[in-house]
Amino acid sequence: MASFKLYFSFALICGALVLGQAVEVSKPPPTEVIDLTTSNTEAPTTIPDTTPDTKPHTTTSTTTTSTTPSPDTTTSTTTSTTTPAPPKPTPTPAPVPPKPIGPPDQGLWPYVDSKNVTCVIVQFAAQLNVTYGKPNSSSSELMHVILNVPANASVISGNCDGLEQWITIGWAATNETNHTLTVLFAKNDTKKFYEMKSLNASLVSSIFPNITNVDTINLSHQTPEWQTPLAASYRCTPPTELKMNADYNNIAATLTLSRLQEEAFRNATGNGFSAARDCSGGDIPDAVPIAVGCALGGMVVVVLIAYLVARRRSANRGYLSM
């Protein structure tokens, strides 16, 4: 009976030990939180813990802050990649000044009346230089227009009667209008000479930039020039500048004539000029060079006679002269 009690107690003790081990093995392992930020680019996942915890969870807040991109970085990247740089403004090219005009060509213009008499004939190369200010402008900037009279200009009209004779030449400005130039001569019967009394030009305003509401620009030179004896022509090869007045206050002009020769009050046919009075030599009669030549010839004769007389006297005195 004592052995039975001993075995029964031993069996109870062993059963308790086995039961204790089974309970210990079946106990679930403790909850473990794994941080995956070091091995994966995705957001870390927190394994729920069945054990209640009174402490606040800071792991999730820290992870979220570290993986969220900065607002400043995102804005800077978007601006640099999506906003193109504004294009640079194209500079306005500077205005190209007009090319200088070449020298004018010489033309010949005779006026023949109904009796086939060439009473007026002019020949020259002419260039007009017009200067004017911009209308209705306070600026002091001046505009310039240079115009050559073409050698192929046509004789439009003229006059051969009375004490005043003139000739008008013209050349095309547009399809319907012409520029004109008129030379007027006056005769003095008392002193037997004639002169250029006036010179007038009428220019179409379309060739003048910034001038509007005006059809023509009228220029004139009213000072008498080139007094010439009748039955003679006037000639001046160097350039001659004539100041011209305009019918507007803000316009001034200069007419330059070169290789000039003119004659009025002729009573002959053809285009030939009479004997010329040159502008550089003044009015010198042909008798002057003849008189000077005769005087020089007389002086030579007097010197030769004096030499012969002196030689003969020396021979009479017995001296030999070499």
C-alpha atoms as a PDB file:
ATOM      1  CA  MET A   1       0.000   0.000   0.000  1.00  0.00           C
ATOM      2  CA  ALA A   2       2.832   2.369   0.695  1.00  0.00           C
ATOM      3  CA  SER A   3       4.362   1.502  -2.676  1.00  0.00           C
ATOM      4  CA  PHE A   4       1.103   2.293  -4.412  1.00  0.00           C
ATOM      5  CA  LYS A   5       0.984   5.707  -2.777  1.00  0.00           C
ATOM      6  CA  LEU A   6       4.564   6.321  -3.806  1.00  0.00           C
ATOM      7  CA  TYR A   7       3.896   5.439  -7.425  1.00  0.00           C
ATOM      8  CA  PHE A   8       0.670   7.441  -7.471  1.00  0.00           C
ATOM      9  CA  SER A   9       2.473  10.531  -6.121  1.00  0.00           C
ATOM     10  CA  PHE A  10       5.261  10.118  -8.645  1.00  0.00           C
ATOM     11  CA  ALA A  11       2.679   9.832 -11.454  1.00  0.00           C
ATOM     12  CA  LEU A  12       0.945  13.009 -10.301  1.00  0.00           C
ATOM     13  CA  ILE A  13       4.223  14.888 -10.214  1.00  0.00           C
ATOM     14  CA  CYS A  14       5.188  13.730 -13.691  1.00  0.00           C
ATOM     15  CA  GLY A  15       1.752  14.591 -15.044  1.00  0.00           C
ATOM     16  CA  ALA A  16       2.015  18.063 -13.601  1.00  0.00           C
ATOM     17  CA  LEU A  17       5.415  18.538 -15.129  1.00  0.00           C
ATOM     18  CA  VAL A  18       4.213  17.438 -18.581  1.00  0.00           C
ATOM     19  CA  LEU A  19       1.161  19.636 -18.363  1.00  0.00           C
ATOM     20  CA  GLY A  20       3.301  22.618 -17.384  1.00  0.00           C
ATOM     21  CA  GLN A  21       5.594  22.119 -20.361  1.00  0.00           C
ATOM     22  CA  ALA A  22       2.616  21.874 -22.758  1.00  0.00           C
ATOM     23  CA  VAL A  23       1.193  25.132 -21.486  1.00  0.00           C
ATOM     24  CA  GLU A  24       4.591  26.834 -21.828  1.00  0.00           C
ATOM     25  CA  VAL A  25       5.041  25.640 -25.448  1.00  0.00           C
ATOM     26  CA  SER A  26       1.587  26.700 -26.565  1.00  0.00           C
ATOM     27  CA  LYS A  27       2.114  30.242 -25.298  1.00  0.00           C
ATOM     28  CA  PRO A  28       2.340  32.620 -28.336  1.00  0.00           C
ATOM     29  CA  PRO A  29       5.605  34.384 -28.916  1.00  0.00           C
ATOM     30  CA  PRO A  30       5.858  38.034 -28.043  1.00  0.00           C
ATOM     31  CA  THR A  31       4.840  40.647 -30.691  1.00  0.00           C
ATOM     32  CA  GLU A  32       7.767  42.061 -32.711  1.00  0.00           C
ATOM     33  CA  VAL A  33       7.821  45.315 -34.809  1.00  0.00           C
ATOM     34  CA  ILE A  34       9.982  45.153 -37.921  1.00  0.00           C
ATOM     35  CA  ASP A  35      11.323  48.324 -39.609  1.00  0.00           C
ATOM     36  CA  LEU A  36      11.689  47.832 -43.392  1.00  0.00           C
ATOM     37  CA  THR A  37      12.963  51.282 -44.339  1.00  0.00           C
ATOM     38  CA  THR A  38      16.517  50.053 -44.744  1.00  0.00           C
ATOM     39  CA  SER A  39      15.651  47.270 -47.198  1.00  0.00           C
ATOM     40  CA  ASN A  40      12.610  48.557 -49.199  1.00  0.00           C
ATOM     41  CA  THR A  41      11.654  51.919 -50.742  1.00  0.00           C
ATOM     42  CA  GLU A  42       7.956  51.431 -49.867  1.00  0.00           C
ATOM     43  CA  ALA A  43       6.461  52.792 -46.664  1.00  0.00           C
ATOM     44  CA  PRO A  44       7.160  50.554 -43.601  1.00  0.00           C
ATOM     45  CA  THR A  45       4.378  48.377 -42.289  1.00  0.00           C
ATOM     46  CA  THR A  46       3.720  48.082 -38.554  1.00  0.00           C
ATOM     47  CA  ILE A  47       2.570  44.657 -37.306  1.00  0.00           C
ATOM     48  CA  PRO A  48      -0.333  45.078 -34.938  1.00  0.00           C
ATOM     49  CA  ASP A  49       0.365  44.151 -31.376  1.00  0.00           C
ATOM     50  CA  THR A  50      -2.262  42.310 -29.417  1.00  0.00           C
ATOM     51  CA  THR A  51      -0.696  43.492 -26.226  1.00  0.00           C
ATOM     52  CA  PRO A  52      -2.232  46.759 -25.142  1.00  0.00           C
ATOM     53  CA  ASP A  53       0.213  49.621 -25.009  1.00  0.00           C
ATOM     54  CA  THR A  54      -0.429  52.914 -23.373  1.00  0.00           C
ATOM     55  CA  LYS A  55       2.580  54.679 -24.921  1.00  0.00           C
ATOM     56  CA  PRO A  56       2.015  56.802 -28.094  1.00  0.00           C
ATOM     57  CA  HIS A  57       3.295  55.325 -31.330  1.00  0.00           C
ATOM     58  CA  THR A  58       6.095  57.586 -32.697  1.00  0.00           C
ATOM     59  CA  THR A  59       7.516  55.122 -35.188  1.00  0.00           C
ATOM     60  CA  THR A  60       4.794  55.678 -37.794  1.00  0.00           C
ATOM     61  CA  SER A  61       4.992  59.493 -37.500  1.00  0.00           C
ATOM     62  CA  THR A  62       8.756  59.473 -37.937  1.00  0.00           C
ATOM     63  CA  THR A  63       8.578  57.206 -40.959  1.00  0.00           C
ATOM     64  CA  THR A  64       5.933  59.320 -42.649  1.00  0.00           C
ATOM     65  CA  THR A  65       7.926  62.539 -42.163  1.00  0.00           C
ATOM     66  CA  SER A  66      11.087  61.026 -43.590  1.00  0.00           C
ATOM     67  CA  THR A  67       9.424  59.621 -46.705  1.00  0.00           C
ATOM     68  CA  THR A  68       7.301  62.669 -47.628  1.00  0.00           C
ATOM     69  CA  PRO A  69       9.161  64.969 -50.138  1.00  0.00           C
ATOM     70  CA  SER A  70       9.750  68.571 -49.149  1.00  0.00           C
ATOM     71  CA  PRO A  71       7.305  71.108 -50.677  1.00  0.00           C
ATOM     72  CA  ASP A  72      10.171  73.438 -51.604  1.00  0.00           C
ATOM     73  CA  THR A  73      11.971  70.696 -53.521  1.00  0.00           C
ATOM     74  CA  THR A  74       8.849  69.753 -55.485  1.00  0.00           C
ATOM     75  CA  THR A  75       8.088  73.375 -56.470  1.00  0.00           C
ATOM     76  CA  SER A  76      11.641  74.069 -57.588  1.00  0.00           C
ATOM     77  CA  THR A  77      11.764  70.928 -59.736  1.00  0.00           C
ATOM     78  CA  THR A  78       8.432  71.704 -61.422  1.00  0.00           C
ATOM     79  CA  THR A  79       9.413  75.290 -62.248  1.00  0.00           C
ATOM     80  CA  SER A  80      12.763  74.391 -63.800  1.00  0.00           C
ATOM     81  CA  THR A  81      11.376  71.665 -66.007  1.00  0.00           C
ATOM     82  CA  THR A  82       7.991  73.000 -67.151  1.00  0.00           C
ATOM     83  CA  THR A  83       8.418  76.826 -67.436  1.00  0.00           C
ATOM     84  CA  PRO A  84      10.444  77.828 -70.570  1.00  0.00           C
ATOM     85  CA  ALA A  85      12.701  80.877 -70.511  1.00  0.00           C
ATOM     86  CA  PRO A  86      11.130  83.958 -72.171  1.00  0.00           C
ATOM     87  CA  PRO A  87      12.519  84.656 -75.672  1.00  0.00           C
ATOM     88  CA  LYS A  88      14.922  87.555 -76.062  1.00  0.00           C
ATOM     89  CA  PRO A  89      13.409  90.548 -77.860  1.00  0.00           C
ATOM     90  CA  THR A  90      14.604  90.992 -81.433  1.00  0.00           C
ATOM     91  CA  PRO A  91      16.500  94.302 -81.777  1.00  0.00           C
ATOM     92  CA  THR A  92      14.985  96.788 -84.203  1.00  0.00           C
ATOM     93  CA  PRO A  93      17.385  97.389 -87.119  1.00  0.00           C
ATOM     94  CA  ALA A  94      18.696 100.918 -87.473  1.00  0.00           C
ATOM     95  CA  PRO A  95      17.322 102.885 -90.446  1.00  0.00           C
ATOM     96  CA  VAL A  96      19.589 102.755 -93.447  1.00  0.00           C
ATOM     97  CA  PRO A  97      20.459 106.228 -94.686  1.00  0.00           C
ATOM     98  CA  PRO A  98      19.807 106.908 -98.345  1.00  0.00           C
ATOM     99  CA  LYS A  99      22.666 106.383-100.732  1.00  0.00           C
ATOM    100  CA  PRO A 100      24.371 109.566-101.929  1.00  0.00           C
ATOM    101  CA  ILE A 101      23.236 110.713-105.343  1.00  0.00           C
ATOM    102  CA  GLY A 102      25.747 110.915-108.182  1.00  0.00           C
ATOM    103  CA  PRO A 103      26.731 114.061-110.070  1.00  0.00           C
ATOM    104  CA  PRO A 104      24.225 115.368-112.635  1.00  0.00           C
ATOM    105  CA  ASP A 105      24.662 114.974-116.385  1.00  0.00           C
ATOM    106  CA  GLN A 106      24.916 117.940-118.740  1.00  0.00           C
ATOM    107  CA  GLY A 107      21.937 118.660-120.968  1.00  0.00           C
ATOM    108  CA  LEU A 108      21.311 121.018-123.908  1.00  0.00           C
ATOM    109  CA  TRP A 109      17.905 122.704-124.331  1.00  0.00           C
ATOM    110  CA  PRO A 110      17.063 125.152-127.158  1.00  0.00           C
ATOM    111  CA  TYR A 111      13.725 126.914-127.614  1.00  0.00           C
ATOM    112  CA  VAL A 112      12.642 127.401-131.236  1.00  0.00           C
ATOM    113  CA  ASP A 113       9.769 129.752-132.042  1.00  0.00           C
ATOM    114  CA  SER A 114       7.220 129.516-134.837  1.00  0.00           C
ATOM    115  CA  LYS A 115       9.642 131.272-137.241  1.00  0.00           C
ATOM    116  CA  ASN A 116      12.243 128.518-136.719  1.00  0.00           C
ATOM    117  CA  VAL A 117      14.452 130.937-134.786  1.00  0.00           C
ATOM    118  CA  THR A 118      16.338 129.618-131.764  1.00  0.00           C
ATOM    119  CA  CYS A 119      16.028 132.639-129.510  1.00  0.00           C
ATOM    120  CA  VAL A 120      17.029 130.980-126.213  1.00  0.00           C
ATOM    121  CA  ILE A 121      19.462 128.131-125.670  1.00  0.00           C
ATOM    122  CA  VAL A 122      20.773 126.853-122.323  1.00  0.00           C
ATOM    123  CA  GLN A 123      23.248 124.119-121.443  1.00  0.00           C
ATOM    124  CA  PHE A 124      24.192 122.970-117.925  1.00  0.00           C
ATOM    125  CA  ALA A 125      24.316 120.178-115.343  1.00  0.00           C
ATOM    126  CA  ALA A 126      21.974 121.027-112.465  1.00  0.00           C
ATOM    127  CA  GLN A 127      21.403 119.630-108.975  1.00  0.00           C
ATOM    128  CA  LEU A 128      18.831 120.798-106.401  1.00  0.00           C
ATOM    129  CA  ASN A 129      19.440 120.375-102.671  1.00  0.00           C
ATOM    130  CA  VAL A 130      16.304 121.030-100.601  1.00  0.00           C
ATOM    131  CA  THR A 131      16.363 121.234 -96.783  1.00  0.00           C
ATOM    132  CA  TYR A 132      13.236 121.399 -94.642  1.00  0.00           C
ATOM    133  CA  GLY A 133      11.979 120.666 -91.153  1.00  0.00           C
ATOM    134  CA  LYS A 134       9.295 118.139 -90.281  1.00  0.00           C
ATOM    135  CA  PRO A 135       5.864 119.831 -90.389  1.00  0.00           C
ATOM    136  CA  ASN A 136       3.954 120.034 -87.080  1.00  0.00           C
ATOM    137  CA  SER A 137       6.972 118.816 -85.144  1.00  0.00           C
ATOM    138  CA  SER A 138       8.867 120.436 -82.280  1.00  0.00           C
ATOM    139  CA  SER A 139      12.024 118.516 -83.180  1.00  0.00           C
ATOM    140  CA  SER A 140      14.925 120.382 -84.777  1.00  0.00           C
ATOM    141  CA  GLU A 141      15.714 117.453 -87.084  1.00  0.00           C
ATOM    142  CA  LEU A 142      16.085 118.492 -90.735  1.00  0.00           C
ATOM    143  CA  MET A 143      15.201 116.504 -93.828  1.00  0.00           C
ATOM    144  CA  HIS A 144      17.203 116.624 -97.081  1.00  0.00           C
ATOM    145  CA  VAL A 145      16.154 115.866-100.642  1.00  0.00           C
ATOM    146  CA  ILE A 146      18.731 115.951-103.460  1.00  0.00           C
ATOM    147  CA  LEU A 147      17.429 116.001-107.006  1.00  0.00           C
ATOM    148  CA  ASN A 148      19.298 116.012-110.321  1.00  0.00           C
ATOM    149  CA  VAL A 149      17.869 117.600-113.449  1.00  0.00           C
ATOM    150  CA  PRO A 150      18.145 114.783-116.021  1.00  0.00           C
ATOM    151  CA  ALA A 151      19.921 115.451-119.298  1.00  0.00           C
ATOM    152  CA  ASN A 152      16.929 114.081-121.196  1.00  0.00           C
ATOM    153  CA  ALA A 153      14.483 116.621-119.765  1.00  0.00           C
ATOM    154  CA  SER A 154      12.162 118.105-122.389  1.00  0.00           C
ATOM    155  CA  VAL A 155      11.530 121.699-123.424  1.00  0.00           C
ATOM    156  CA  ILE A 156       7.927 122.389-122.393  1.00  0.00           C
ATOM    157  CA  SER A 157       7.475 126.058-123.329  1.00  0.00           C
ATOM    158  CA  GLY A 158       9.266 129.340-123.959  1.00  0.00           C
ATOM    159  CA  ASN A 159       8.966 132.875-125.294  1.00  0.00           C
ATOM    160  CA  CYS A 160      10.891 134.839-127.922  1.00  0.00           C
ATOM    161  CA  ASP A 161       8.986 138.165-127.967  1.00  0.00           C
ATOM    162  CA  GLY A 162       9.579 141.462-126.187  1.00  0.00           C
ATOM    163  CA  LEU A 163      12.260 142.430-123.707  1.00  0.00           C
ATOM    164  CA  GLU A 164      11.866 139.220-121.687  1.00  0.00           C
ATOM    165  CA  GLN A 165      12.512 135.730-122.995  1.00  0.00           C
ATOM    166  CA  TRP A 166      12.352 132.443-121.149  1.00  0.00           C
ATOM    167  CA  ILE A 167      12.569 128.693-121.497  1.00  0.00           C
ATOM    168  CA  THR A 168      10.886 126.022-119.352  1.00  0.00           C
ATOM    169  CA  ILE A 169      12.134 122.431-119.172  1.00  0.00           C
ATOM    170  CA  GLY A 170      10.414 119.545-117.405  1.00  0.00           C
ATOM    171  CA  TRP A 171      10.953 115.928-116.403  1.00  0.00           C
ATOM    172  CA  ALA A 172       8.653 113.260-115.017  1.00  0.00           C
ATOM    173  CA  ALA A 173       7.902 113.157-111.296  1.00  0.00           C
ATOM    174  CA  THR A 174       4.983 110.695-111.493  1.00  0.00           C
ATOM    175  CA  ASN A 175       2.921 109.231-114.289  1.00  0.00           C
ATOM    176  CA  GLU A 176       0.806 112.369-114.489  1.00  0.00           C
ATOM    177  CA  THR A 177       2.900 115.274-113.146  1.00  0.00           C
ATOM    178  CA  ASN A 178       6.292 116.850-113.934  1.00  0.00           C
ATOM    179  CA  HIS A 179       8.982 118.816-112.179  1.00  0.00           C
ATOM    180  CA  THR A 180       9.767 122.065-114.042  1.00  0.00           C
ATOM    181  CA  LEU A 181      12.615 124.575-114.208  1.00  0.00           C
ATOM    182  CA  THR A 182      12.195 128.015-115.848  1.00  0.00           C
ATOM    183  CA  VAL A 183      15.026 130.417-116.764  1.00  0.00           C
ATOM    184  CA  LEU A 184      13.958 134.020-117.481  1.00  0.00           C
ATOM    185  CA  PHE A 185      16.178 136.565-119.325  1.00  0.00           C
ATOM    186  CA  ALA A 186      15.732 140.333-119.606  1.00  0.00           C
ATOM    187  CA  LYS A 187      17.305 142.687-122.167  1.00  0.00           C
ATOM    188  CA  ASN A 188      18.613 146.244-121.673  1.00  0.00           C
ATOM    189  CA  ASP A 189      18.464 147.994-125.059  1.00  0.00           C
ATOM    190  CA  THR A 190      20.154 151.099-123.716  1.00  0.00           C
ATOM    191  CA  LYS A 191      23.313 149.367-122.482  1.00  0.00           C
ATOM    192  CA  LYS A 192      23.133 146.561-125.062  1.00  0.00           C
ATOM    193  CA  PHE A 193      23.305 143.631-122.720  1.00  0.00           C
ATOM    194  CA  TYR A 194      21.016 140.955-121.287  1.00  0.00           C
ATOM    195  CA  GLU A 195      21.029 139.069-117.981  1.00  0.00           C
ATOM    196  CA  MET A 196      19.359 136.201-116.264  1.00  0.00           C
ATOM    197  CA  LYS A 197      16.549 137.904-114.361  1.00  0.00           C
ATOM    198  CA  SER A 198      15.174 134.951-112.382  1.00  0.00           C
ATOM    199  CA  LEU A 199      15.210 131.186-112.089  1.00  0.00           C
ATOM    200  CA  ASN A 200      12.176 129.243-110.797  1.00  0.00           C
ATOM    201  CA  ALA A 201      11.624 125.583-109.972  1.00  0.00           C
ATOM    202  CA  SER A 202       8.353 123.781-109.279  1.00  0.00           C
ATOM    203  CA  LEU A 203       8.723 120.369-107.615  1.00  0.00           C
ATOM    204  CA  VAL A 204       6.027 117.777-106.938  1.00  0.00           C
ATOM    205  CA  SER A 205       5.639 117.338-103.169  1.00  0.00           C
ATOM    206  CA  SER A 206       5.424 113.528-103.362  1.00  0.00           C
ATOM    207  CA  ILE A 207       9.230 113.290-103.355  1.00  0.00           C
ATOM    208  CA  PHE A 208       9.391 115.031 -99.953  1.00  0.00           C
ATOM    209  CA  PRO A 209       8.751 112.683 -96.999  1.00  0.00           C
ATOM    210  CA  ASN A 210       6.485 113.995 -94.209  1.00  0.00           C
ATOM    211  CA  ILE A 211       5.076 116.834 -96.324  1.00  0.00           C
ATOM    212  CA  THR A 212       1.331 116.529 -96.821  1.00  0.00           C
ATOM    213  CA  ASN A 213      -1.564 118.701 -97.992  1.00  0.00           C
ATOM    214  CA  VAL A 214       0.721 120.394-100.521  1.00  0.00           C
ATOM    215  CA  ASP A 215       0.796 119.561-104.228  1.00  0.00           C
ATOM    216  CA  THR A 216       3.930 121.444-105.320  1.00  0.00           C
ATOM    217  CA  ILE A 217       6.934 123.125-103.748  1.00  0.00           C
ATOM    218  CA  ASN A 218       7.871 126.387-105.528  1.00  0.00           C
ATOM    219  CA  LEU A 219      11.459 127.638-105.369  1.00  0.00           C
ATOM    220  CA  SER A 220      12.840 130.838-106.889  1.00  0.00           C
ATOM    221  CA  HIS A 221      16.050 132.832-107.314  1.00  0.00           C
ATOM    222  CA  GLN A 222      15.167 136.496-108.004  1.00  0.00           C
ATOM    223  CA  THR A 223      18.633 138.091-108.077  1.00  0.00           C
ATOM    224  CA  PRO A 224      19.832 139.048-111.599  1.00  0.00           C
ATOM    225  CA  GLU A 225      22.915 137.164-112.753  1.00  0.00           C
ATOM    226  CA  TRP A 226      25.278 136.828-115.712  1.00  0.00           C
ATOM    227  CA  GLN A 227      25.216 140.169-117.528  1.00  0.00           C
ATOM    228  CA  THR A 228      26.283 139.422-121.079  1.00  0.00           C
ATOM    229  CA  PRO A 229      26.651 141.652-124.174  1.00  0.00           C
ATOM    230  CA  LEU A 230      24.078 141.104-126.893  1.00  0.00           C
ATOM    231  CA  ALA A 231      25.085 138.666-129.641  1.00  0.00           C
ATOM    232  CA  ALA A 232      27.312 136.815-127.131  1.00  0.00           C
ATOM    233  CA  SER A 233      26.895 133.846-124.819  1.00  0.00           C
ATOM    234  CA  TYR A 234      27.776 133.374-121.162  1.00  0.00           C
ATOM    235  CA  ARG A 235      29.950 130.428-120.121  1.00  0.00           C
ATOM    236  CA  CYS A 236      31.023 129.158-116.689  1.00  0.00           C
ATOM    237  CA  THR A 237      32.492 125.691-116.276  1.00  0.00           C
ATOM    238  CA  PRO A 238      33.086 125.644-112.455  1.00  0.00           C
ATOM    239  CA  PRO A 239      30.033 124.988-110.230  1.00  0.00           C
ATOM    240  CA  THR A 240      27.876 128.022-109.460  1.00  0.00           C
ATOM    241  CA  GLU A 241      25.554 127.917-106.425  1.00  0.00           C
ATOM    242  CA  LEU A 242      22.312 129.891-106.457  1.00  0.00           C
ATOM    243  CA  LYS A 243      20.337 130.322-103.225  1.00  0.00           C
ATOM    244  CA  MET A 244      16.629 129.719-103.740  1.00  0.00           C
ATOM    245  CA  ASN A 245      13.695 130.845-101.614  1.00  0.00           C
ATOM    246  CA  ALA A 246      10.580 128.745-101.059  1.00  0.00           C
ATOM    247  CA  ASP A 247       6.927 129.605-100.623  1.00  0.00           C
ATOM    248  CA  TYR A 248       7.078 127.952 -97.176  1.00  0.00           C
ATOM    249  CA  ASN A 249       9.092 129.277 -94.246  1.00  0.00           C
ATOM    250  CA  ASN A 250      10.621 125.948 -93.205  1.00  0.00           C
ATOM    251  CA  ILE A 251      12.125 125.154 -96.641  1.00  0.00           C
ATOM    252  CA  ALA A 252      15.455 126.305 -98.102  1.00  0.00           C
ATOM    253  CA  ALA A 253      17.175 125.178-101.270  1.00  0.00           C
ATOM    254  CA  THR A 254      20.354 125.546-103.323  1.00  0.00           C
ATOM    255  CA  LEU A 255      20.653 125.066-107.070  1.00  0.00           C
ATOM    256  CA  THR A 256      24.141 124.122-108.280  1.00  0.00           C
ATOM    257  CA  LEU A 257      24.888 124.696-111.983  1.00  0.00           C
ATOM    258  CA  SER A 258      28.091 123.406-113.562  1.00  0.00           C
ATOM    259  CA  ARG A 259      29.385 123.362-117.156  1.00  0.00           C
ATOM    260  CA  LEU A 260      27.021 126.221-117.821  1.00  0.00           C
ATOM    261  CA  GLN A 261      26.583 128.069-121.117  1.00  0.00           C
ATOM    262  CA  GLU A 262      23.537 130.116-122.081  1.00  0.00           C
ATOM    263  CA  GLU A 263      22.437 132.657-124.634  1.00  0.00           C
ATOM    264  CA  ALA A 264      19.232 134.636-125.137  1.00  0.00           C
ATOM    265  CA  PHE A 265      17.871 137.149-127.644  1.00  0.00           C
ATOM    266  CA  ARG A 266      19.408 135.218-130.489  1.00  0.00           C
ATOM    267  CA  ASN A 267      18.260 135.744-134.058  1.00  0.00           C
ATOM    268  CA  ALA A 268      19.680 132.624-135.630  1.00  0.00           C
ATOM    269  CA  THR A 269      18.822 129.015-136.313  1.00  0.00           C
ATOM    270  CA  GLY A 270      20.581 125.926-135.003  1.00  0.00           C
ATOM    271  CA  ASN A 271      22.007 125.107-131.577  1.00  0.00           C
ATOM    272  CA  GLY A 272      25.415 126.762-131.887  1.00  0.00           C
ATOM    273  CA  PHE A 273      26.470 129.387-129.328  1.00  0.00           C
ATOM    274  CA  SER A 274      27.905 132.783-130.195  1.00  0.00           C
ATOM    275  CA  ALA A 275      31.318 133.947-128.923  1.00  0.00           C
ATOM    276  CA  ALA A 276      31.411 133.284-125.181  1.00  0.00           C
ATOM    277  CA  ARG A 277      32.124 135.558-122.273  1.00  0.00           C
ATOM    278  CA  ASP A 278      33.748 133.371-119.609  1.00  0.00           C
ATOM    279  CA  CYS A 279      32.886 133.812-115.946  1.00  0.00           C
ATOM    280  CA  SER A 280      36.524 133.478-114.826  1.00  0.00           C
ATOM    281  CA  GLY A 281      38.006 136.040-117.241  1.00  0.00           C
ATOM    282  CA  GLY A 282      35.526 138.878-117.016  1.00  0.00           C
ATOM    283  CA  ASP A 283      34.501 140.997-119.959  1.00  0.00           C
ATOM    284  CA  ILE A 284      37.741 141.313-121.931  1.00  0.00           C
ATOM    285  CA  PRO A 285      37.451 142.584-125.542  1.00  0.00           C
ATOM    286  CA  ASP A 286      39.334 140.766-128.261  1.00  0.00           C
ATOM    287  CA  ALA A 287      41.282 144.014-129.043  1.00  0.00           C
ATOM    288  CA  VAL A 288      43.168 143.811-125.753  1.00  0.00           C
ATOM    289  CA  PRO A 289      45.292 140.740-126.562  1.00  0.00           C
ATOM    290  CA  ILE A 290      45.910 142.165-130.069  1.00  0.00           C
ATOM    291  CA  ALA A 291      47.158 145.451-128.606  1.00  0.00           C
ATOM    292  CA  VAL A 292      49.410 143.612-126.145  1.00  0.00           C
ATOM    293  CA  GLY A 293      50.914 141.550-128.972  1.00  0.00           C
ATOM    294  CA  CYS A 294      51.571 144.634-131.091  1.00  0.00           C
ATOM    295  CA  ALA A 295      53.264 146.382-128.183  1.00  0.00           C
ATOM    296  CA  LEU A 296      55.568 143.421-127.562  1.00  0.00           C
ATOM    297  CA  GLY A 297      56.430 143.243-131.275  1.00  0.00           C
ATOM    298  CA  GLY A 298      57.253 146.986-131.310  1.00  0.00           C
ATOM    299  CA  MET A 299      59.544 146.599-128.321  1.00  0.00           C
ATOM    300  CA  VAL A 300      61.452 143.819-130.090  1.00  0.00           C
ATOM    301  CA  VAL A 301      61.925 146.013-133.151  1.00  0.00           C
ATOM    302  CA  VAL A 302      63.168 148.971-131.045  1.00  0.00           C
ATOM    303  CA  VAL A 303      65.696 146.777-129.212  1.00  0.00           C
ATOM    304  CA  LEU A 304      66.994 145.337-132.475  1.00  0.00           C
ATOM    305  CA  ILE A 305      67.427 148.789-134.019  1.00  0.00           C
ATOM    306  CA  ALA A 306      69.247 150.043-130.942  1.00  0.00           C
ATOM    307  CA  TYR A 307      71.605 147.083-131.077  1.00  0.00           C
ATOM    308  CA  LEU A 308      72.449 147.640-134.723  1.00  0.00           C
ATOM    309  CA  VAL A 309      73.087 151.370-134.179  1.00  0.00           C
ATOM    310  CA  ALA A 310      75.381 150.674-131.223  1.00  0.00           C
ATOM    311  CA  ARG A 311      77.317 148.067-133.198  1.00  0.00           C
ATOM    312  CA  ARG A 312      77.840 150.437-136.116  1.00  0.00           C
ATOM    313  CA  ARG A 313      79.175 153.201-133.858  1.00  0.00           C
ATOM    314  CA  SER A 314      81.620 150.813-132.275  1.00  0.00           C
ATOM    315  CA  ALA A 315      82.913 149.779-135.720  1.00  0.00           C
ATOM    316  CA  ASN A 316      83.459 153.412-136.729  1.00  0.00           C
ATOM    317  CA  ARG A 317      85.636 153.935-133.656  1.00  0.00           C
ATOM    318  CA  GLY A 318      87.894 151.026-134.598  1.00  0.00           C
ATOM    319  CA  TYR A 319      86.809 148.539-131.980  1.00  0.00           C
ATOM    320  CA  LEU A 320      85.959 144.980-132.913  1.00  0.00           C
ATOM    321  CA  SER A 321      82.877 143.794-131.276  1.00  0.00           C
ATOM    322  CA  MET A 322      82.186 140.115-130.858  1.00  0.00           C
END
